[in-house]
PDB file of all heavy atoms in Angstrom:
ATOM      1  N   ALA A   1     -10.613-101.050 156.980  1.00  0.00           N
ATOM      2  CA  ALA A   1     -10.632 -99.979 155.963  1.00  0.00           C
ATOM      3  C   ALA A   1      -9.355 -99.141 156.056  1.00  0.00           C
ATOM      4  O   ALA A   1      -8.814 -98.670 155.054  1.00  0.00           O
ATOM      5  CB  ALA A   1     -11.883 -99.136 156.094  1.00  0.00           C
ATOM      6  N   VAL A   2      -8.914 -98.899 157.244  1.00  0.00           N
ATOM      7  CA  VAL A   2      -7.749 -98.185 157.504  1.00  0.00           C
ATOM      8  C   VAL A   2      -6.515 -98.821 156.822  1.00  0.00           C
ATOM      9  O   VAL A   2      -5.585 -98.190 156.381  1.00  0.00           O
ATOM     10  CB  VAL A   2      -7.477 -97.968 159.022  1.00  0.00           C
ATOM     11  CG1 VAL A   2      -6.117 -97.368 159.273  1.00  0.00           C
ATOM     12  CG2 VAL A   2      -8.585 -97.110 159.608  1.00  0.00           C
ATOM     13  N   LEU A   3      -6.533-100.169 156.730  1.00  0.00           N
ATOM     14  CA  LEU A   3      -5.492-100.917 156.177  1.00  0.00           C
ATOM     15  C   LEU A   3      -5.665-101.096 154.669  1.00  0.00           C
ATOM     16  O   LEU A   3      -4.851-101.824 154.078  1.00  0.00           O
ATOM     17  CB  LEU A   3      -5.424-102.281 156.887  1.00  0.00           C
ATOM     18  CG  LEU A   3      -5.220-102.243 158.337  1.00  0.00           C
ATOM     19  CD1 LEU A   3      -5.337-103.599 158.985  1.00  0.00           C
ATOM     20  CD2 LEU A   3      -3.876-101.677 158.663  1.00  0.00           C
ATOM     21  N   GLY A   4      -6.631-100.476 154.063  1.00  0.00           N
ATOM     22  CA  GLY A   4      -6.790-100.574 152.642  1.00  0.00           C
ATOM     23  C   GLY A   4      -7.728-101.685 152.170  1.00  0.00           C
ATOM     24  O   GLY A   4      -7.784-101.937 150.994  1.00  0.00           O
ATOM     25  N   LEU A   5      -8.457-102.327 153.049  1.00  0.00           N
ATOM     26  CA  LEU A   5      -9.370-103.389 152.653  1.00  0.00           C
ATOM     27  C   LEU A   5     -10.735-102.775 152.444  1.00  0.00           C
ATOM     28  O   LEU A   5     -11.349-102.320 153.382  1.00  0.00           O
ATOM     29  CB  LEU A   5      -9.404-104.454 153.753  1.00  0.00           C
ATOM     30  CG  LEU A   5     -10.343-105.659 153.535  1.00  0.00           C
ATOM     31  CD1 LEU A   5      -9.941-106.384 152.279  1.00  0.00           C
ATOM     32  CD2 LEU A   5     -10.358-106.571 154.720  1.00  0.00           C
ATOM     33  N   GLY A   6     -11.188-102.779 151.203  1.00  0.00           N
ATOM     34  CA  GLY A   6     -12.505-102.246 150.899  1.00  0.00           C
ATOM     35  C   GLY A   6     -13.594-103.091 151.323  1.00  0.00           C
ATOM     36  O   GLY A   6     -13.409-104.321 151.503  1.00  0.00           O
ATOM     37  N   SER A   7     -14.825-102.574 151.499  1.00  0.00           N
ATOM     38  CA  SER A   7     -15.937-103.393 151.996  1.00  0.00           C
ATOM     39  C   SER A   7     -16.327-104.477 151.012  1.00  0.00           C
ATOM     40  O   SER A   7     -16.766-105.584 151.417  1.00  0.00           O
ATOM     41  CB  SER A   7     -17.093-102.534 152.347  1.00  0.00           C
ATOM     42  OG  SER A   7     -17.576-101.754 151.185  1.00  0.00           O
ATOM     43  N   ALA A   8     -16.170-104.272 149.721  1.00  0.00           N
ATOM     44  CA  ALA A   8     -16.547-105.297 148.760  1.00  0.00           C
ATOM     45  C   ALA A   8     -15.591-106.460 148.897  1.00  0.00           C
ATOM     46  O   ALA A   8     -16.013-107.610 148.867  1.00  0.00           O
ATOM     47  CB  ALA A   8     -16.422-104.720 147.303  1.00  0.00           C
ATOM     48  N   ASP A   9     -14.271-106.206 149.084  1.00  0.00           N
ATOM     49  CA  ASP A   9     -13.337-107.289 149.337  1.00  0.00           C
ATOM     50  C   ASP A   9     -13.665-108.055 150.658  1.00  0.00           C
ATOM     51  O   ASP A   9     -13.588-109.225 150.693  1.00  0.00           O
ATOM     52  CB  ASP A   9     -11.889-106.782 149.458  1.00  0.00           C
ATOM     53  CG  ASP A   9     -11.420-106.146 148.152  1.00  0.00           C
ATOM     54  OD1 ASP A   9     -11.796-106.618 147.066  1.00  0.00           O
ATOM     55  OD2 ASP A   9     -10.684-105.136 148.238  1.00  0.00           O
ATOM     56  N   ALA A  10     -14.034-107.278 151.672  1.00  0.00           N
ATOM     57  CA  ALA A  10     -14.195-107.810 152.976  1.00  0.00           C
ATOM     58  C   ALA A  10     -15.402-108.739 153.020  1.00  0.00           C
ATOM     59  O   ALA A  10     -15.375-109.726 153.722  1.00  0.00           O
ATOM     60  CB  ALA A  10     -14.349-106.688 153.993  1.00  0.00           C
ATOM     61  N   GLU A  11     -16.450-108.434 152.296  1.00  0.00           N
ATOM     62  CA  GLU A  11     -17.670-109.247 152.342  1.00  0.00           C
ATOM     63  C   GLU A  11     -17.369-110.675 151.822  1.00  0.00           C
ATOM     64  O   GLU A  11     -18.068-111.583 152.231  1.00  0.00           O
ATOM     65  CB  GLU A  11     -18.718-108.631 151.507  1.00  0.00           C
ATOM     66  CG  GLU A  11     -19.195-107.241 151.945  1.00  0.00           C
ATOM     67  CD  GLU A  11     -19.853-107.286 153.324  1.00  0.00           C
ATOM     68  OE1 GLU A  11     -20.498-108.252 153.673  1.00  0.00           O
ATOM     69  OE2 GLU A  11     -19.645-106.287 154.086  1.00  0.00           O
ATOM     70  N   ALA A  12     -16.316-110.825 150.996  1.00  0.00           N
ATOM     71  CA  ALA A  12     -16.065-112.138 150.450  1.00  0.00           C
ATOM     72  C   ALA A  12     -15.212-113.050 151.365  1.00  0.00           C
ATOM     73  O   ALA A  12     -15.036-114.243 151.129  1.00  0.00           O
ATOM     74  CB  ALA A  12     -15.361-112.012 149.131  1.00  0.00           C
ATOM     75  N   LEU A  13     -14.653-112.486 152.417  1.00  0.00           N
ATOM     76  CA  LEU A  13     -13.780-113.228 153.296  1.00  0.00           C
ATOM     77  C   LEU A  13     -14.601-114.208 154.185  1.00  0.00           C
ATOM     78  O   LEU A  13     -15.569-113.827 154.801  1.00  0.00           O
ATOM     79  CB  LEU A  13     -12.995-112.276 154.230  1.00  0.00           C
ATOM     80  CG  LEU A  13     -11.951-111.417 153.610  1.00  0.00           C
ATOM     81  CD1 LEU A  13     -11.340-110.534 154.626  1.00  0.00           C
ATOM     82  CD2 LEU A  13     -10.910-112.195 152.860  1.00  0.00           C
ATOM     83  N   PRO A  14     -14.106-115.525 154.227  1.00  0.00           N
ATOM     84  CA  PRO A  14     -14.801-116.435 155.136  1.00  0.00           C
ATOM     85  C   PRO A  14     -14.495-116.133 156.597  1.00  0.00           C
ATOM     86  O   PRO A  14     -13.388-115.660 156.938  1.00  0.00           O
ATOM     87  CB  PRO A  14     -14.174-117.766 154.723  1.00  0.00           C
ATOM     88  CG  PRO A  14     -12.939-117.416 154.031  1.00  0.00           C
ATOM     89  CD  PRO A  14     -13.051-116.065 153.482  1.00  0.00           C
ATOM     90  N   VAL A  15     -15.437-116.354 157.484  1.00  0.00           N
ATOM     91  CA  VAL A  15     -15.315-116.071 158.918  1.00  0.00           C
ATOM     92  C   VAL A  15     -15.355-117.413 159.639  1.00  0.00           C
ATOM     93  O   VAL A  15     -16.217-118.214 159.405  1.00  0.00           O
ATOM     94  CB  VAL A  15     -16.394-115.147 159.418  1.00  0.00           C
ATOM     95  CG1 VAL A  15     -16.305-114.975 160.957  1.00  0.00           C
ATOM     96  CG2 VAL A  15     -16.363-113.846 158.710  1.00  0.00           C
ATOM     97  N   ALA A  16     -14.328-117.666 160.582  1.00  0.00           N
ATOM     98  CA  ALA A  16     -14.288-118.907 161.323  1.00  0.00           C
ATOM     99  C   ALA A  16     -13.983-118.652 162.786  1.00  0.00           C
ATOM    100  O   ALA A  16     -13.339-117.658 163.145  1.00  0.00           O
ATOM    101  CB  ALA A  16     -13.198-119.776 160.735  1.00  0.00           C
ATOM    102  N   MET A  17     -14.512-119.403 163.683  1.00  0.00           N
ATOM    103  CA  MET A  17     -14.167-119.342 165.071  1.00  0.00           C
ATOM    104  C   MET A  17     -12.991-120.269 165.317  1.00  0.00           C
ATOM    105  O   MET A  17     -12.947-121.397 164.830  1.00  0.00           O
ATOM    106  CB  MET A  17     -15.382-119.825 165.945  1.00  0.00           C
ATOM    107  CG  MET A  17     -16.640-118.994 165.786  1.00  0.00           C
ATOM    108  SD  MET A  17     -16.331-117.286 166.104  1.00  0.00           S
ATOM    109  CE  MET A  17     -17.775-116.578 165.302  1.00  0.00           C
ATOM    110  N   ILE A  18     -12.007-119.790 166.012  1.00  0.00           N
ATOM    111  CA  ILE A  18     -10.755-120.495 166.276  1.00  0.00           C
ATOM    112  C   ILE A  18     -10.368-120.438 167.732  1.00  0.00           C
ATOM    113  O   ILE A  18     -10.937-119.676 168.510  1.00  0.00           O
ATOM    114  CB  ILE A  18      -9.596-120.006 165.373  1.00  0.00           C
ATOM    115  CG1 ILE A  18      -9.283-118.486 165.809  1.00  0.00           C
ATOM    116  CG2 ILE A  18      -9.857-120.143 163.961  1.00  0.00           C
ATOM    117  CD1 ILE A  18      -8.038-117.983 165.106  1.00  0.00           C
ATOM    118  N   ALA A  19      -9.297-121.206 168.139  1.00  0.00           N
ATOM    119  CA  ALA A  19      -8.822-121.122 169.462  1.00  0.00           C
ATOM    120  C   ALA A  19      -7.272-121.146 169.365  1.00  0.00           C
ATOM    121  O   ALA A  19      -6.740-122.014 168.671  1.00  0.00           O
ATOM    122  CB  ALA A  19      -9.264-122.294 170.305  1.00  0.00           C
ATOM    123  N   GLY A  20      -6.652-120.183 169.986  1.00  0.00           N
ATOM    124  CA  GLY A  20      -5.210-120.193 169.960  1.00  0.00           C
ATOM    125  C   GLY A  20      -4.574-121.060 171.043  1.00  0.00           C
ATOM    126  O   GLY A  20      -5.316-121.492 171.959  1.00  0.00           O
ATOM    127  N   ALA A  21      -3.316-121.374 170.954  1.00  0.00           N
ATOM    128  CA  ALA A  21      -2.601-122.186 171.957  1.00  0.00           C
ATOM    129  C   ALA A  21      -1.782-121.274 172.761  1.00  0.00           C
ATOM    130  O   ALA A  21      -1.257-120.250 172.346  1.00  0.00           O
ATOM    131  CB  ALA A  21      -1.783-123.244 171.233  1.00  0.00           C
ATOM    132  N   GLY A  22      -1.627-121.590 174.023  1.00  0.00           N
ATOM    133  CA  GLY A  22      -0.757-120.866 174.981  1.00  0.00           C
ATOM    134  C   GLY A  22      -1.533-120.133 176.016  1.00  0.00           C
ATOM    135  O   GLY A  22      -2.768-120.219 176.092  1.00  0.00           O
ATOM    136  N   ALA A  23      -0.774-119.311 176.819  1.00  0.00           N
ATOM    137  CA  ALA A  23      -1.377-118.568 177.926  1.00  0.00           C
ATOM    138  C   ALA A  23      -2.259-117.421 177.367  1.00  0.00           C
ATOM    139  O   ALA A  23      -2.093-116.992 176.211  1.00  0.00           O
ATOM    140  CB  ALA A  23      -0.267-118.039 178.804  1.00  0.00           C
ATOM    141  N   ALA A  24      -3.102-116.906 178.180  1.00  0.00           N
ATOM    142  CA  ALA A  24      -4.004-115.806 177.766  1.00  0.00           C
ATOM    143  C   ALA A  24      -3.243-114.565 177.259  1.00  0.00           C
ATOM    144  O   ALA A  24      -3.711-113.883 176.356  1.00  0.00           O
ATOM    145  CB  ALA A  24      -4.919-115.399 178.927  1.00  0.00           C
TER     146      ALA A  24
END
């Protein structure tokens, strides 16, 4: 919300579990 993303917009975003590459 601080970045200007309203909750209505946010509800439509897909959520996925990912894994990055590289060291921690």
